[in-house]
Amino acid sequence: MRPLSPAEIQPDLLATKPILLLDTTKFATRFVTRQLLADKLPARIPIEIWLNILELCIDSSPPKYETVRPISMSTSPNGQVLRCRAVDIDLGVFDSKTTVLAAEKFLQSQHAYNQSAVEDDPDFTARDTDTMYTIYYPRNPTASRAGSPKITTFAYRTPECLFTAITVPDVIAWLENGCCWVCRGDRDICPGCTGGVAQKFDAFMGCGVMLACPLCMGLDFMQEDKEFLHQYYWEDPPLEEEATRQARLVARWRELGYEKKKTA
């Protein structure tokens, strides 16, 4: 997944109906930041104290995500406003490569998925709730407090809180607490010892190696790791290439928040 940029807030966004992830922790911080820049917070608390509080929140608060979909947008000289409604999604069980790809198509465009669905396609749902969020994207976030260098520096750190291009690994990592039925939280599998599970995700190969999990680490990520293991199946890889692979695995764990938790 990646942050939704202001340039993407266009009518097409409302038409395609993507499922977005809202980090409600960062959303609250953005709200306080906006009030700070607009001089709407209590004057009895020094600006420096507010900055310290917000910096601490940004750097130390774990993300907490909620699924939302965009329902309206507006534009003014001061910026853009996107209104989103929280939704409860039901994607069923990710039991094969086919269901993973179908779920990701649904997440990226509910409209396109429903338009092209055939009888055998999985039946995914996204039910509206009563919870609404308004996300403000200022055109010039430092204009109101341009005289303060510290405010200017902080304003550019206003945290991103809304994310698009959601994948199944994102759903598992951030909405299902990392719980993965394929690897049981190990983030890798022996691709020849799964009793047929690996074949369902195009992950089957010989035993004796540990392959990135195709479900919670991602199909594309697994495929690249599989190619590496195939290349060096009968011999040890050069130390530099193995170090590069390990760094890639660690980077993926961190991207999905797995370096801080391991769940079964």
Protein backbone atom coordinates (compact mmCIF):
# COMPACT_ATOMS: atom_id res chain seq x y z
CA MET A 1 0.00 0.00 0.00
CA ARG A 2 1.03 3.63 -0.34
CA PRO A 3 -0.24 7.02 0.83
CA LEU A 4 -3.08 8.54 -1.17
CA SER A 5 -1.72 11.72 -2.74
CA PRO A 6 -3.70 14.96 -3.16
CA ALA A 7 -3.34 14.59 -6.94
CA GLU A 8 -5.43 11.41 -6.76
CA ILE A 9 -8.42 13.16 -5.21
CA GLN A 10 -10.35 13.29 -8.47
CA PRO A 11 -13.89 12.28 -9.53
CA ASP A 12 -12.50 8.95 -10.77
CA LEU A 13 -11.64 8.06 -7.18
CA LEU A 14 -15.30 8.21 -6.20
CA ALA A 15 -16.37 6.23 -9.27
CA THR A 16 -13.97 3.32 -8.84
CA LYS A 17 -14.85 2.87 -5.16
CA PRO A 18 -11.50 1.59 -3.85
CA ILE A 19 -11.16 0.33 -0.30
CA LEU A 20 -8.71 2.57 1.55
CA LEU A 21 -6.94 2.11 4.87
CA LEU A 22 -7.18 4.97 7.35
CA ASP A 23 -4.63 5.09 10.16
CA THR A 24 -6.90 6.47 12.87
CA THR A 25 -3.93 7.22 15.14
CA LYS A 26 -2.30 9.46 12.56
CA PHE A 27 -5.72 10.87 11.61
CA ALA A 28 -6.13 12.23 15.14
CA THR A 29 -2.63 13.72 15.02
CA ARG A 30 -3.38 15.41 11.69
CA PHE A 31 -6.48 17.01 13.23
CA VAL A 32 -4.48 18.52 16.09
CA THR A 33 -1.82 19.69 13.63
CA ARG A 34 -4.45 21.48 11.57
CA GLN A 35 -5.82 23.22 14.66
CA LEU A 36 -2.29 24.21 15.63
CA LEU A 37 -1.54 25.76 12.26
CA ALA A 38 -4.85 27.63 12.34
CA ASP A 39 -4.24 29.07 15.84
CA LYS A 40 -7.26 27.20 17.26
CA LEU A 41 -5.60 25.38 20.14
CA PRO A 42 -5.55 26.77 23.70
CA ALA A 43 -3.12 29.66 23.91
CA ARG A 44 -2.20 28.82 27.51
CA ILE A 45 -0.19 25.84 26.24
CA PRO A 46 3.03 26.99 24.52
CA ILE A 47 3.46 26.05 20.87
CA GLU A 48 6.66 24.18 21.72
CA ILE A 49 4.75 21.88 24.08
CA TRP A 50 2.18 21.09 21.38
CA LEU A 51 5.00 20.31 18.98
CA ASN A 52 6.67 17.97 21.45
CA ILE A 53 3.39 16.15 22.09
CA LEU A 54 2.68 15.72 18.39
CA GLU A 55 6.22 14.63 17.57
CA LEU A 56 5.95 11.97 20.27
CA CYS A 57 2.61 10.76 18.92
CA ILE A 58 3.91 10.53 15.36
CA ASP A 59 7.08 8.68 16.29
CA SER A 60 5.83 6.29 18.96
CA SER A 61 2.14 5.52 18.35
CA PRO A 62 1.52 2.19 16.60
CA PRO A 63 -0.76 2.40 13.58
CA LYS A 64 -4.39 1.42 13.97
CA TYR A 65 -6.20 0.99 10.69
CA GLU A 66 -9.83 1.10 9.62
CA THR A 67 -11.22 0.31 6.18
CA VAL A 68 -12.99 3.23 4.51
CA ARG A 69 -14.22 4.24 1.08
CA PRO A 70 -14.37 7.77 -0.39
CA ILE A 71 -17.86 9.21 -0.81
CA SER A 72 -17.37 12.92 -1.60
CA MET A 73 -14.73 15.52 -2.24
CA SER A 74 -14.44 19.28 -2.44
CA THR A 75 -11.76 21.77 -3.40
CA SER A 76 -11.07 25.29 -2.20
CA PRO A 77 -8.19 27.76 -2.58
CA ASN A 78 -6.83 26.43 0.73
CA GLY A 79 -6.77 22.77 -0.17
CA GLN A 80 -8.83 19.63 -0.73
CA VAL A 81 -11.29 17.79 1.50
CA LEU A 82 -12.07 14.10 1.13
CA ARG A 83 -14.96 12.57 3.05
CA CYS A 84 -14.84 8.84 3.69
CA ARG A 85 -17.24 6.35 5.23
CA ALA A 86 -15.99 3.45 7.33
CA VAL A 87 -16.89 0.05 5.90
CA ASP A 88 -16.87 -3.49 7.26
CA ILE A 89 -15.27 -5.75 4.68
CA ASP A 90 -15.66 -9.51 4.33
CA LEU A 91 -13.10 -11.14 2.06
CA GLY A 92 -13.65 -14.71 3.21
CA VAL A 93 -10.69 -17.11 3.33
CA PHE A 94 -7.64 -16.58 1.17
CA ASP A 95 -7.26 -20.22 0.19
CA SER A 96 -5.47 -19.92 -3.16
CA LYS A 97 -3.68 -17.61 -5.56
CA THR A 98 -6.99 -17.13 -7.39
CA THR A 99 -8.83 -15.84 -4.32
CA VAL A 100 -5.93 -13.54 -3.39
CA LEU A 101 -5.88 -11.94 -6.85
CA ALA A 102 -9.68 -11.61 -6.82
CA ALA A 103 -9.63 -9.97 -3.37
CA GLU A 104 -6.99 -7.46 -4.45
CA LYS A 105 -9.01 -6.56 -7.52
CA PHE A 106 -12.01 -5.94 -5.26
CA LEU A 107 -9.96 -3.82 -2.85
CA GLN A 108 -8.56 -1.63 -5.61
CA SER A 109 -11.88 -1.07 -7.36
CA GLN A 110 -15.12 -2.40 -5.98
CA HIS A 111 -16.91 -1.03 -9.04
CA ALA A 112 -14.63 -2.77 -11.57
CA TYR A 113 -14.81 -6.07 -9.68
CA ASN A 114 -18.59 -6.07 -9.55
CA GLN A 115 -18.83 -5.10 -13.23
CA SER A 116 -16.59 -7.95 -14.41
CA ALA A 117 -17.57 -10.62 -11.89
CA VAL A 118 -18.67 -14.01 -13.20
CA GLU A 119 -20.57 -16.81 -11.50
CA ASP A 120 -17.54 -18.55 -9.98
CA ASP A 121 -15.90 -15.40 -8.60
CA PRO A 122 -15.76 -15.02 -4.79
CA ASP A 123 -18.54 -12.92 -3.26
CA PHE A 124 -16.80 -10.11 -1.35
CA THR A 125 -18.71 -7.46 0.59
CA ALA A 126 -18.05 -3.97 1.92
CA ARG A 127 -20.91 -2.86 4.19
CA ASP A 128 -21.29 0.82 5.03
CA THR A 129 -21.24 1.92 8.67
CA ASP A 130 -22.36 5.19 10.28
CA THR A 131 -18.79 6.34 10.99
CA MET A 132 -17.54 9.20 8.82
CA TYR A 133 -14.09 10.78 8.47
CA THR A 134 -13.08 14.05 6.85
CA ILE A 135 -9.46 14.24 5.70
CA TYR A 136 -8.10 17.68 4.86
CA TYR A 137 -5.20 18.09 2.42
CA PRO A 138 -3.95 21.68 2.79
CA ARG A 139 -2.60 23.29 -0.35
CA ASN A 140 -0.05 25.26 1.67
CA PRO A 141 0.14 23.82 5.21
CA THR A 142 2.58 26.46 6.49
CA ALA A 143 0.88 29.61 5.25
CA SER A 144 -0.93 30.45 8.49
CA ARG A 145 2.21 30.19 10.65
CA ALA A 146 4.89 31.14 8.13
CA GLY A 147 6.71 33.29 10.68
CA SER A 148 7.79 30.32 12.79
CA PRO A 149 10.59 28.16 11.36
CA LYS A 150 9.78 25.35 13.80
CA ILE A 151 6.14 25.30 12.74
CA THR A 152 7.23 25.26 9.11
CA THR A 153 9.52 22.29 9.75
CA PHE A 154 6.84 20.41 11.64
CA ALA A 155 4.09 21.11 9.13
CA TYR A 156 5.91 19.13 6.49
CA ARG A 157 5.90 16.19 8.91
CA THR A 158 2.11 16.15 9.04
CA PRO A 159 1.67 12.39 8.94
CA GLU A 160 0.05 10.59 6.04
CA CYS A 161 -3.01 8.78 7.33
CA LEU A 162 -4.91 7.52 4.26
CA PHE A 163 -3.57 4.69 2.10
CA THR A 164 -4.50 3.19 -1.25
CA ALA A 165 -3.38 0.24 -3.43
CA ILE A 166 -4.29 -2.16 -0.61
CA THR A 167 -3.14 -5.77 -0.97
CA VAL A 168 -3.97 -8.99 0.85
CA PRO A 169 -0.71 -8.87 2.85
CA ASP A 170 -1.75 -5.38 4.03
CA VAL A 171 -5.10 -6.77 5.16
CA ILE A 172 -3.44 -9.64 7.03
CA ALA A 173 -0.80 -7.42 8.61
CA TRP A 174 -2.89 -4.44 9.69
CA LEU A 175 -6.46 -5.72 10.00
CA GLU A 176 -5.97 -9.35 11.04
CA ASN A 177 -3.05 -8.87 13.44
CA GLY A 178 -0.66 -10.72 11.13
CA CYS A 179 -2.49 -14.03 11.51
CA CYS A 180 -1.64 -16.26 8.54
CA TRP A 181 -2.98 -19.79 8.17
CA VAL A 182 -0.30 -20.76 5.61
CA CYS A 183 2.87 -20.09 7.64
CA ARG A 184 1.35 -19.78 11.16
CA GLY A 185 3.16 -16.51 11.71
CA ASP A 186 6.64 -17.70 10.68
CA ARG A 187 6.55 -15.57 7.47
CA ASP A 188 8.19 -18.41 5.53
CA ILE A 189 7.42 -22.02 4.58
CA CYS A 190 9.22 -25.15 3.45
CA PRO A 191 7.67 -25.20 -0.03
CA GLY A 192 7.87 -28.99 -0.38
CA CYS A 193 6.33 -29.89 2.98
CA THR A 194 2.94 -28.16 3.03
CA GLY A 195 0.70 -31.07 2.04
CA GLY A 196 -0.48 -29.37 -1.13
CA VAL A 197 -0.91 -25.85 0.24
CA ALA A 198 2.11 -24.44 -1.62
CA GLN A 199 0.69 -25.65 -4.95
CA LYS A 200 -2.43 -23.54 -4.43
CA PHE A 201 -0.26 -20.41 -4.40
CA ASP A 202 2.22 -21.44 -7.11
CA ALA A 203 4.84 -21.73 -4.37
CA PHE A 204 5.80 -25.40 -4.66
CA MET A 205 9.45 -26.41 -5.04
CA GLY A 206 11.89 -28.81 -3.41
CA CYS A 207 12.43 -29.21 0.33
CA GLY A 208 15.42 -28.00 2.29
CA VAL A 209 14.84 -24.27 1.81
CA MET A 210 12.63 -21.68 3.50
CA LEU A 211 10.55 -19.63 1.09
CA ALA A 212 8.82 -16.32 1.84
CA CYS A 213 5.16 -17.04 2.63
CA PRO A 214 3.03 -16.45 -0.47
CA LEU A 215 0.05 -15.25 1.56
CA CYS A 216 1.23 -12.86 4.26
CA MET A 217 4.41 -11.74 2.45
CA GLY A 218 2.77 -11.45 -0.96
CA LEU A 219 2.61 -13.46 -4.19
CA ASP A 220 5.02 -11.24 -6.13
CA PHE A 221 7.46 -11.12 -3.23
CA MET A 222 7.30 -14.90 -2.86
CA GLN A 223 7.87 -15.40 -6.59
CA GLU A 224 11.05 -13.34 -6.57
CA ASP A 225 12.29 -15.24 -3.52
CA LYS A 226 11.42 -18.53 -5.22
CA GLU A 227 13.50 -17.60 -8.26
CA PHE A 228 16.47 -16.89 -6.02
CA LEU A 229 16.12 -20.23 -4.20
CA HIS A 230 15.76 -22.08 -7.50
CA GLN A 231 18.93 -20.47 -8.81
CA TYR A 232 20.97 -21.57 -5.82
CA TYR A 233 19.12 -24.76 -4.90
CA TRP A 234 22.14 -27.04 -5.45
CA GLU A 235 24.84 -24.66 -4.27
CA ASP A 236 25.32 -21.93 -1.72
CA PRO A 237 24.70 -18.40 -3.02
CA PRO A 238 27.48 -15.81 -2.92
CA LEU A 239 27.60 -14.14 0.47
CA GLU A 240 26.78 -10.74 -1.01
CA GLU A 241 23.67 -12.04 -2.76
CA GLU A 242 22.48 -13.87 0.35
CA ALA A 243 22.98 -10.69 2.38
CA THR A 244 20.91 -8.79 -0.18
CA ARG A 245 18.13 -11.38 0.10
CA GLN A 246 18.13 -11.18 3.88
CA ALA A 247 18.00 -7.39 3.78
CA ARG A 248 15.05 -7.62 1.39
CA LEU A 249 13.21 -9.97 3.76
CA VAL A 250 13.83 -7.69 6.74
CA ALA A 251 12.63 -4.66 4.77
CA ARG A 252 9.42 -6.50 3.90
CA TRP A 253 8.87 -7.52 7.53
CA ARG A 254 9.27 -3.91 8.60
CA GLU A 255 6.97 -2.65 5.86
CA LEU A 256 4.23 -4.91 7.16
CA GLY A 257 5.01 -4.38 10.84
CA TYR A 258 6.17 -7.97 11.41
CA GLU A 259 9.48 -7.07 13.05
CA LYS A 260 7.53 -6.10 16.16
CA LYS A 261 5.15 -9.04 16.39
CA LYS A 262 4.85 -12.70 15.59
CA THR A 263 1.42 -14.25 15.68
CA ALA A 264 0.18 -17.75 15.06
